[in-house]
């Protein structure tokens, strides 16, 4: 029998009536960014970004965003493994609770953190009485706000990685006598490294851009809790050029993260 010729995948025909709404949707995303680029004071950009308040906000944003990623890795990967591997009553409810911060208004997220971890909160009050530790309006509070709003992205992405993993690799390791910890660390996690990296990048970008929960739970104290988004908020009232410069930097960083992922997040799901 003659060998069959490999069939080439054909691109689906594009219905003409989709071009107009698709184009309008693209304009909706691109036009604000174009306005930002046009209005940015390019001549003074370096000077504006080198100002002390901006550098303080950059430092705090980097500390809080990377701190959020580390905590999300430690807490999110076990959560993702349990949600993907262990069936138990109420798993849908647990997954809903984990993903809830993704759909909550950011200000509400900050409010629930305040009610739980504030000086008079459910956990914050006994914590303060026992140790004198206050979490709101501190750098630690900024990190907690970042973890709360960004860790769902880590769990969602890594859970998708675990679910897409061929279970035969883990079963083969178990057959050879590997224990649960060895299977996880030597087989499962290395195989889903792309999902972990994608989740880390998305978590970092989300924590870097957090505004509402940080403002509500940690406040807007320069040099202490004022991150880059909060610096933009303040600069809009006093220094429009500085607000444009900081906004441009954050847009470039966020866009670079999304381009670098190149679809890994969606593939991992």
C-alpha atoms as a PDB file:
ATOM      1  CA  UNK A   1       0.000   0.000   0.000  1.00  0.00           C
ATOM      2  CA  UNK A   2       1.289   3.450  -0.817  1.00  0.00           C
ATOM      3  CA  UNK A   3       2.188   5.524   2.190  1.00  0.00           C
ATOM      4  CA  UNK A   4      -0.450   8.009   3.150  1.00  0.00           C
ATOM      5  CA  UNK A   5       0.502  11.606   2.724  1.00  0.00           C
ATOM      6  CA  UNK A   6       0.402  13.591   5.944  1.00  0.00           C
ATOM      7  CA  UNK A   7      -2.548  15.873   5.952  1.00  0.00           C
ATOM      8  CA  UNK A   8      -1.844  19.522   6.561  1.00  0.00           C
ATOM      9  CA  UNK A   9      -4.000  21.253   9.065  1.00  0.00           C
ATOM     10  CA  UNK A  10      -6.001  23.969   7.408  1.00  0.00           C
ATOM     11  CA  UNK A  11      -6.749  27.223   9.049  1.00  0.00           C
ATOM     12  CA  UNK A  12     -10.456  27.719   9.582  1.00  0.00           C
ATOM     13  CA  UNK A  13     -12.059  30.237   7.306  1.00  0.00           C
ATOM     14  CA  UNK A  14     -12.580  33.559   9.056  1.00  0.00           C
ATOM     15  CA  UNK A  15     -16.182  34.775   8.802  1.00  0.00           C
ATOM     16  CA  UNK A  16     -16.097  38.374   7.611  1.00  0.00           C
ATOM     17  CA  UNK A  17     -18.712  39.465  10.143  1.00  0.00           C
ATOM     18  CA  UNK A  18     -16.282  38.669  12.987  1.00  0.00           C
ATOM     19  CA  UNK A  19     -13.680  41.164  11.794  1.00  0.00           C
ATOM     20  CA  UNK A  20     -15.526  44.262  12.955  1.00  0.00           C
ATOM     21  CA  UNK A  21     -16.246  43.221  16.582  1.00  0.00           C
ATOM     22  CA  UNK A  22     -12.799  41.613  16.834  1.00  0.00           C
ATOM     23  CA  UNK A  23     -11.193  44.819  15.590  1.00  0.00           C
ATOM     24  CA  UNK A  24     -13.217  46.926  18.011  1.00  0.00           C
ATOM     25  CA  UNK A  25     -12.203  44.623  20.848  1.00  0.00           C
ATOM     26  CA  UNK A  26      -8.544  45.007  19.925  1.00  0.00           C
ATOM     27  CA  UNK A  27      -8.926  48.785  19.770  1.00  0.00           C
ATOM     28  CA  UNK A  28     -10.470  48.737  23.228  1.00  0.00           C
ATOM     29  CA  UNK A  29      -7.258  47.210  24.594  1.00  0.00           C
ATOM     30  CA  UNK A  30      -4.745  49.012  22.397  1.00  0.00           C
ATOM     31  CA  UNK A  31      -6.111  52.562  22.473  1.00  0.00           C
ATOM     32  CA  UNK A  32      -5.479  53.243  26.195  1.00  0.00           C
ATOM     33  CA  UNK A  33      -1.942  51.906  25.839  1.00  0.00           C
ATOM     34  CA  UNK A  34      -1.373  54.102  22.795  1.00  0.00           C
ATOM     35  CA  UNK A  35      -2.594  57.100  24.777  1.00  0.00           C
ATOM     36  CA  UNK A  36      -0.136  56.228  27.548  1.00  0.00           C
ATOM     37  CA  UNK A  37       2.768  55.975  25.105  1.00  0.00           C
ATOM     38  CA  UNK A  38       1.889  59.265  23.411  1.00  0.00           C
ATOM     39  CA  UNK A  39       1.499  61.189  26.657  1.00  0.00           C
ATOM     40  CA  UNK A  40       4.612  59.790  28.379  1.00  0.00           C
ATOM     41  CA  UNK A  41       7.265  62.493  28.991  1.00  0.00           C
ATOM     42  CA  UNK A  42      10.078  60.613  27.276  1.00  0.00           C
ATOM     43  CA  UNK A  43      12.666  63.378  27.743  1.00  0.00           C
ATOM     44  CA  UNK A  44      12.306  63.340  31.523  1.00  0.00           C
ATOM     45  CA  UNK A  45      11.553  59.636  31.893  1.00  0.00           C
ATOM     46  CA  UNK A  46      14.830  58.635  33.565  1.00  0.00           C
ATOM     47  CA  UNK A  47      14.727  61.615  35.928  1.00  0.00           C
ATOM     48  CA  UNK A  48      11.150  60.882  36.944  1.00  0.00           C
ATOM     49  CA  UNK A  49      11.861  57.197  37.585  1.00  0.00           C
ATOM     50  CA  UNK A  50      15.022  58.002  39.564  1.00  0.00           C
ATOM     51  CA  UNK A  51      13.124  60.135  42.106  1.00  0.00           C
ATOM     52  CA  UNK A  52      13.403  58.857  45.678  1.00  0.00           C
ATOM     53  CA  UNK A  53       9.660  58.165  46.206  1.00  0.00           C
ATOM     54  CA  UNK A  54       9.568  56.133  43.000  1.00  0.00           C
ATOM     55  CA  UNK A  55      12.684  54.147  43.949  1.00  0.00           C
ATOM     56  CA  UNK A  56      11.190  53.434  47.371  1.00  0.00           C
ATOM     57  CA  UNK A  57       7.995  52.213  45.707  1.00  0.00           C
ATOM     58  CA  UNK A  58      10.025  50.032  43.316  1.00  0.00           C
ATOM     59  CA  UNK A  59      11.972  48.513  46.200  1.00  0.00           C
ATOM     60  CA  UNK A  60       8.841  47.757  48.199  1.00  0.00           C
ATOM     61  CA  UNK A  61       7.018  46.386  45.157  1.00  0.00           C
ATOM     62  CA  UNK A  62       9.871  44.004  44.389  1.00  0.00           C
ATOM     63  CA  UNK A  63      10.103  42.841  48.004  1.00  0.00           C
ATOM     64  CA  UNK A  64       6.354  42.309  48.326  1.00  0.00           C
ATOM     65  CA  UNK A  65       5.835  40.686  44.913  1.00  0.00           C
ATOM     66  CA  UNK A  66       8.711  38.211  45.237  1.00  0.00           C
ATOM     67  CA  UNK A  67       7.704  37.517  48.835  1.00  0.00           C
ATOM     68  CA  UNK A  68       4.193  36.765  47.599  1.00  0.00           C
ATOM     69  CA  UNK A  69       5.566  34.319  45.032  1.00  0.00           C
ATOM     70  CA  UNK A  70       7.625  32.446  47.633  1.00  0.00           C
ATOM     71  CA  UNK A  71       4.642  32.070  49.970  1.00  0.00           C
ATOM     72  CA  UNK A  72       2.380  31.103  47.069  1.00  0.00           C
ATOM     73  CA  UNK A  73       4.844  28.372  46.046  1.00  0.00           C
ATOM     74  CA  UNK A  74       5.027  26.949  49.559  1.00  0.00           C
ATOM     75  CA  UNK A  75       1.275  27.004  50.135  1.00  0.00           C
ATOM     76  CA  UNK A  76      -0.123  26.838  46.617  1.00  0.00           C
ATOM     77  CA  UNK A  77       1.632  23.743  45.281  1.00  0.00           C
ATOM     78  CA  UNK A  78       0.343  21.470  48.092  1.00  0.00           C
ATOM     79  CA  UNK A  79      -3.147  22.909  47.614  1.00  0.00           C
ATOM     80  CA  UNK A  80      -2.972  22.295  43.878  1.00  0.00           C
ATOM     81  CA  UNK A  81      -1.757  18.710  44.410  1.00  0.00           C
ATOM     82  CA  UNK A  82      -4.580  17.923  46.836  1.00  0.00           C
ATOM     83  CA  UNK A  83      -7.224  19.458  44.565  1.00  0.00           C
ATOM     84  CA  UNK A  84      -5.944  17.532  41.552  1.00  0.00           C
ATOM     85  CA  UNK A  85      -5.168  14.170  43.146  1.00  0.00           C
ATOM     86  CA  UNK A  86      -7.433  13.520  46.133  1.00  0.00           C
ATOM     87  CA  UNK A  87     -11.218  13.285  45.767  1.00  0.00           C
ATOM     88  CA  UNK A  88     -12.961  14.268  48.979  1.00  0.00           C
ATOM     89  CA  UNK A  89     -16.378  15.623  49.963  1.00  0.00           C
ATOM     90  CA  UNK A  90     -16.526  19.368  49.514  1.00  0.00           C
ATOM     91  CA  UNK A  91     -13.637  19.585  47.052  1.00  0.00           C
ATOM     92  CA  UNK A  92     -15.637  21.951  44.842  1.00  0.00           C
ATOM     93  CA  UNK A  93     -16.254  24.193  47.839  1.00  0.00           C
ATOM     94  CA  UNK A  94     -12.557  24.207  48.725  1.00  0.00           C
ATOM     95  CA  UNK A  95     -11.611  25.053  45.158  1.00  0.00           C
ATOM     96  CA  UNK A  96     -14.206  27.835  45.181  1.00  0.00           C
ATOM     97  CA  UNK A  97     -12.736  29.288  48.374  1.00  0.00           C
ATOM     98  CA  UNK A  98      -9.224  29.147  46.931  1.00  0.00           C
ATOM     99  CA  UNK A  99     -10.238  30.881  43.715  1.00  0.00           C
ATOM    100  CA  UNK A 100     -12.617  33.372  45.349  1.00  0.00           C
ATOM    101  CA  UNK A 101     -10.068  36.227  45.541  1.00  0.00           C
ATOM    102  CA  UNK A 102      -9.889  36.192  41.737  1.00  0.00           C
ATOM    103  CA  UNK A 103     -13.471  37.439  41.472  1.00  0.00           C
ATOM    104  CA  UNK A 104     -13.741  39.492  44.664  1.00  0.00           C
ATOM    105  CA  UNK A 105     -13.446  43.268  44.281  1.00  0.00           C
ATOM    106  CA  UNK A 106      -9.911  44.094  45.488  1.00  0.00           C
ATOM    107  CA  UNK A 107     -11.214  46.507  48.125  1.00  0.00           C
ATOM    108  CA  UNK A 108     -13.417  43.735  49.532  1.00  0.00           C
ATOM    109  CA  UNK A 109     -10.371  41.471  49.617  1.00  0.00           C
ATOM    110  CA  UNK A 110      -8.538  44.054  51.703  1.00  0.00           C
ATOM    111  CA  UNK A 111     -11.552  44.470  53.961  1.00  0.00           C
ATOM    112  CA  UNK A 112     -11.866  40.759  54.718  1.00  0.00           C
ATOM    113  CA  UNK A 113      -8.137  40.649  55.492  1.00  0.00           C
ATOM    114  CA  UNK A 114      -8.617  43.567  57.862  1.00  0.00           C
ATOM    115  CA  UNK A 115     -11.552  41.911  59.608  1.00  0.00           C
ATOM    116  CA  UNK A 116      -9.552  38.700  60.026  1.00  0.00           C
ATOM    117  CA  UNK A 117      -6.000  39.913  60.638  1.00  0.00           C
ATOM    118  CA  UNK A 118      -6.464  43.481  61.816  1.00  0.00           C
ATOM    119  CA  UNK A 119      -5.679  44.612  65.321  1.00  0.00           C
ATOM    120  CA  UNK A 120      -9.295  43.888  66.291  1.00  0.00           C
ATOM    121  CA  UNK A 121      -9.779  41.063  63.797  1.00  0.00           C
ATOM    122  CA  UNK A 122     -10.727  37.461  64.395  1.00  0.00           C
ATOM    123  CA  UNK A 123      -7.112  36.282  64.400  1.00  0.00           C
ATOM    124  CA  UNK A 124      -5.367  39.631  64.600  1.00  0.00           C
ATOM    125  CA  UNK A 125      -6.743  40.521  68.041  1.00  0.00           C
ATOM    126  CA  UNK A 126      -5.459  37.434  69.921  1.00  0.00           C
ATOM    127  CA  UNK A 127      -2.228  37.638  67.916  1.00  0.00           C
ATOM    128  CA  UNK A 128      -1.720  41.234  69.011  1.00  0.00           C
ATOM    129  CA  UNK A 129      -2.541  40.444  72.640  1.00  0.00           C
ATOM    130  CA  UNK A 130      -0.143  37.497  72.696  1.00  0.00           C
ATOM    131  CA  UNK A 131       2.786  38.975  70.767  1.00  0.00           C
ATOM    132  CA  UNK A 132       2.111  42.667  70.156  1.00  0.00           C
ATOM    133  CA  UNK A 133       2.379  41.982  66.417  1.00  0.00           C
ATOM    134  CA  UNK A 134       0.325  44.240  64.132  1.00  0.00           C
ATOM    135  CA  UNK A 135      -0.034  43.172  60.494  1.00  0.00           C
ATOM    136  CA  UNK A 136      -2.032  45.998  58.849  1.00  0.00           C
ATOM    137  CA  UNK A 137      -0.142  49.075  57.650  1.00  0.00           C
ATOM    138  CA  UNK A 138       3.172  47.204  57.550  1.00  0.00           C
ATOM    139  CA  UNK A 139       5.326  45.719  54.805  1.00  0.00           C
ATOM    140  CA  UNK A 140       4.225  42.278  55.968  1.00  0.00           C
ATOM    141  CA  UNK A 141       0.656  43.420  55.421  1.00  0.00           C
ATOM    142  CA  UNK A 142       1.537  44.353  51.836  1.00  0.00           C
ATOM    143  CA  UNK A 143       2.918  40.859  51.265  1.00  0.00           C
ATOM    144  CA  UNK A 144      -0.164  39.212  52.786  1.00  0.00           C
ATOM    145  CA  UNK A 145      -2.442  41.274  50.567  1.00  0.00           C
ATOM    146  CA  UNK A 146      -0.383  40.237  47.554  1.00  0.00           C
ATOM    147  CA  UNK A 147      -0.537  36.565  48.519  1.00  0.00           C
ATOM    148  CA  UNK A 148      -4.295  36.695  49.054  1.00  0.00           C
ATOM    149  CA  UNK A 149      -5.072  38.090  45.610  1.00  0.00           C
ATOM    150  CA  UNK A 150      -2.366  36.330  43.586  1.00  0.00           C
ATOM    151  CA  UNK A 151      -2.040  32.801  44.992  1.00  0.00           C
ATOM    152  CA  UNK A 152      -5.215  31.587  43.221  1.00  0.00           C
ATOM    153  CA  UNK A 153      -3.315  31.973  39.943  1.00  0.00           C
ATOM    154  CA  UNK A 154      -0.582  29.709  41.277  1.00  0.00           C
ATOM    155  CA  UNK A 155      -3.070  27.078  42.442  1.00  0.00           C
ATOM    156  CA  UNK A 156      -5.080  27.200  39.220  1.00  0.00           C
ATOM    157  CA  UNK A 157      -2.030  26.897  36.960  1.00  0.00           C
ATOM    158  CA  UNK A 158      -0.219  24.211  38.954  1.00  0.00           C
ATOM    159  CA  UNK A 159      -3.424  22.194  39.395  1.00  0.00           C
ATOM    160  CA  UNK A 160      -3.786  22.235  35.618  1.00  0.00           C
ATOM    161  CA  UNK A 161      -0.233  20.965  35.359  1.00  0.00           C
ATOM    162  CA  UNK A 162      -0.905  18.081  37.748  1.00  0.00           C
ATOM    163  CA  UNK A 163      -4.109  17.168  35.919  1.00  0.00           C
ATOM    164  CA  UNK A 164      -2.360  17.108  32.533  1.00  0.00           C
ATOM    165  CA  UNK A 165       0.466  14.910  33.840  1.00  0.00           C
ATOM    166  CA  UNK A 166       0.408  11.324  32.605  1.00  0.00           C
ATOM    167  CA  UNK A 167      -0.166   9.250  35.796  1.00  0.00           C
ATOM    168  CA  UNK A 168       1.830   6.358  34.380  1.00  0.00           C
ATOM    169  CA  UNK A 169       5.091   8.125  35.281  1.00  0.00           C
ATOM    170  CA  UNK A 170       4.081   8.354  38.928  1.00  0.00           C
ATOM    171  CA  UNK A 171       2.747   4.790  38.923  1.00  0.00           C
ATOM    172  CA  UNK A 172       6.007   3.496  37.465  1.00  0.00           C
ATOM    173  CA  UNK A 173       8.009   5.242  40.199  1.00  0.00           C
ATOM    174  CA  UNK A 174       5.752   3.765  42.874  1.00  0.00           C
ATOM    175  CA  UNK A 175       6.167   0.306  41.333  1.00  0.00           C
ATOM    176  CA  UNK A 176       9.930   0.710  41.642  1.00  0.00           C
ATOM    177  CA  UNK A 177       9.554   1.386  45.356  1.00  0.00           C
ATOM    178  CA  UNK A 178       9.593   5.174  45.473  1.00  0.00           C
ATOM    179  CA  UNK A 179       7.666   6.745  48.335  1.00  0.00           C
ATOM    180  CA  UNK A 180       5.150   9.530  48.041  1.00  0.00           C
ATOM    181  CA  UNK A 181       7.650  12.318  48.768  1.00  0.00           C
ATOM    182  CA  UNK A 182      10.158  10.909  46.266  1.00  0.00           C
ATOM    183  CA  UNK A 183       7.487  10.588  43.574  1.00  0.00           C
ATOM    184  CA  UNK A 184       6.401  14.166  44.138  1.00  0.00           C
ATOM    185  CA  UNK A 185       9.854  15.756  44.218  1.00  0.00           C
ATOM    186  CA  UNK A 186      11.685  13.549  41.708  1.00  0.00           C
ATOM    187  CA  UNK A 187       8.920  12.828  39.196  1.00  0.00           C
ATOM    188  CA  UNK A 188       5.808  14.995  39.436  1.00  0.00           C
ATOM    189  CA  UNK A 189       7.269  18.440  40.143  1.00  0.00           C
ATOM    190  CA  UNK A 190      10.052  18.237  37.519  1.00  0.00           C
ATOM    191  CA  UNK A 191       7.501  17.201  34.889  1.00  0.00           C
ATOM    192  CA  UNK A 192       5.221  20.162  35.632  1.00  0.00           C
ATOM    193  CA  UNK A 193       8.039  22.705  35.891  1.00  0.00           C
ATOM    194  CA  UNK A 194       6.571  24.786  32.998  1.00  0.00           C
ATOM    195  CA  UNK A 195       3.285  25.081  34.897  1.00  0.00           C
ATOM    196  CA  UNK A 196       5.109  26.087  38.093  1.00  0.00           C
ATOM    197  CA  UNK A 197       7.109  28.728  36.233  1.00  0.00           C
ATOM    198  CA  UNK A 198       3.983  30.039  34.531  1.00  0.00           C
ATOM    199  CA  UNK A 199       2.134  30.166  37.843  1.00  0.00           C
ATOM    200  CA  UNK A 200       5.059  31.967  39.467  1.00  0.00           C
ATOM    201  CA  UNK A 201       5.198  34.559  36.703  1.00  0.00           C
ATOM    202  CA  UNK A 202       1.454  35.207  36.836  1.00  0.00           C
ATOM    203  CA  UNK A 203       1.506  35.357  40.629  1.00  0.00           C
ATOM    204  CA  UNK A 204       4.387  37.826  40.576  1.00  0.00           C
ATOM    205  CA  UNK A 205       2.748  40.069  38.005  1.00  0.00           C
ATOM    206  CA  UNK A 206      -0.574  40.036  39.869  1.00  0.00           C
ATOM    207  CA  UNK A 207       1.085  40.819  43.207  1.00  0.00           C
ATOM    208  CA  UNK A 208       3.158  43.580  41.620  1.00  0.00           C
ATOM    209  CA  UNK A 209       0.035  45.259  40.276  1.00  0.00           C
ATOM    210  CA  UNK A 210      -2.168  44.856  43.347  1.00  0.00           C
ATOM    211  CA  UNK A 211      -3.860  48.077  44.478  1.00  0.00           C
ATOM    212  CA  UNK A 212      -7.215  47.764  46.232  1.00  0.00           C
ATOM    213  CA  UNK A 213      -6.433  45.077  48.804  1.00  0.00           C
ATOM    214  CA  UNK A 214      -3.086  46.703  49.605  1.00  0.00           C
ATOM    215  CA  UNK A 215      -4.640  50.135  50.079  1.00  0.00           C
ATOM    216  CA  UNK A 216      -7.407  48.798  52.322  1.00  0.00           C
ATOM    217  CA  UNK A 217      -5.314  46.426  54.430  1.00  0.00           C
ATOM    218  CA  UNK A 218      -1.850  48.000  54.426  1.00  0.00           C
ATOM    219  CA  UNK A 219      -2.542  51.654  53.690  1.00  0.00           C
ATOM    220  CA  UNK A 220      -0.495  54.039  51.571  1.00  0.00           C
ATOM    221  CA  UNK A 221       2.521  54.975  53.686  1.00  0.00           C
ATOM    222  CA  UNK A 222       5.473  56.243  51.653  1.00  0.00           C
ATOM    223  CA  UNK A 223       8.550  54.051  52.080  1.00  0.00           C
ATOM    224  CA  UNK A 224       6.605  51.518  54.128  1.00  0.00           C
ATOM    225  CA  UNK A 225       3.516  50.299  52.282  1.00  0.00           C
ATOM    226  CA  UNK A 226       3.397  52.476  49.149  1.00  0.00           C
ATOM    227  CA  UNK A 227       3.903  50.168  46.186  1.00  0.00           C
ATOM    228  CA  UNK A 228       4.113  51.234  42.540  1.00  0.00           C
ATOM    229  CA  UNK A 229       0.327  51.165  41.908  1.00  0.00           C
ATOM    230  CA  UNK A 230      -0.228  53.295  45.009  1.00  0.00           C
ATOM    231  CA  UNK A 231       2.540  55.653  43.879  1.00  0.00           C
ATOM    232  CA  UNK A 232       0.656  56.094  40.600  1.00  0.00           C
ATOM    233  CA  UNK A 233      -2.527  56.867  42.542  1.00  0.00           C
ATOM    234  CA  UNK A 234      -0.768  59.592  44.550  1.00  0.00           C
ATOM    235  CA  UNK A 235       1.111  60.995  41.542  1.00  0.00           C
ATOM    236  CA  UNK A 236      -2.099  61.415  39.551  1.00  0.00           C
ATOM    237  CA  UNK A 237      -3.091  64.174  41.974  1.00  0.00           C
ATOM    238  CA  UNK A 238       0.268  65.933  42.248  1.00  0.00           C
ATOM    239  CA  UNK A 239       2.621  64.936  39.416  1.00  0.00           C
ATOM    240  CA  UNK A 240       0.937  63.686  36.249  1.00  0.00           C
ATOM    241  CA  UNK A 241       4.246  63.096  34.448  1.00  0.00           C
ATOM    242  CA  UNK A 242       5.478  60.817  37.240  1.00  0.00           C
ATOM    243  CA  UNK A 243       2.192  58.895  37.112  1.00  0.00           C
ATOM    244  CA  UNK A 244       2.611  58.391  33.370  1.00  0.00           C
ATOM    245  CA  UNK A 245       6.226  57.247  33.758  1.00  0.00           C
ATOM    246  CA  UNK A 246       5.417  54.704  36.483  1.00  0.00           C
ATOM    247  CA  UNK A 247       2.371  53.457  34.581  1.00  0.00           C
ATOM    248  CA  UNK A 248       4.491  52.905  31.476  1.00  0.00           C
ATOM    249  CA  UNK A 249       7.014  50.838  33.435  1.00  0.00           C
ATOM    250  CA  UNK A 250       4.276  48.651  34.930  1.00  0.00           C
ATOM    251  CA  UNK A 251       2.626  48.140  31.532  1.00  0.00           C
ATOM    252  CA  UNK A 252       5.944  47.106  29.986  1.00  0.00           C
ATOM    253  CA  UNK A 253       6.683  44.672  32.828  1.00  0.00           C
ATOM    254  CA  UNK A 254       3.228  43.089  32.706  1.00  0.00           C
ATOM    255  CA  UNK A 255       3.270  42.790  28.911  1.00  0.00           C
ATOM    256  CA  UNK A 256       6.746  41.253  28.997  1.00  0.00           C
ATOM    257  CA  UNK A 257       5.569  38.607  31.479  1.00  0.00           C
ATOM    258  CA  UNK A 258       2.588  37.661  29.327  1.00  0.00           C
ATOM    259  CA  UNK A 259       4.678  37.492  26.159  1.00  0.00           C
ATOM    260  CA  UNK A 260       7.336  35.412  27.905  1.00  0.00           C
ATOM    261  CA  UNK A 261       4.722  32.852  28.941  1.00  0.00           C
ATOM    262  CA  UNK A 262       3.773  32.322  25.286  1.00  0.00           C
ATOM    263  CA  UNK A 263       0.693  30.309  26.073  1.00  0.00           C
ATOM    264  CA  UNK A 264       2.223  28.092  28.784  1.00  0.00           C
ATOM    265  CA  UNK A 265      -0.512  29.028  31.240  1.00  0.00           C
ATOM    266  CA  UNK A 266      -3.351  28.020  28.953  1.00  0.00           C
ATOM    267  CA  UNK A 267      -1.554  24.865  27.837  1.00  0.00           C
ATOM    268  CA  UNK A 268      -0.975  23.843  31.439  1.00  0.00           C
ATOM    269  CA  UNK A 269      -4.659  24.092  32.136  1.00  0.00           C
END
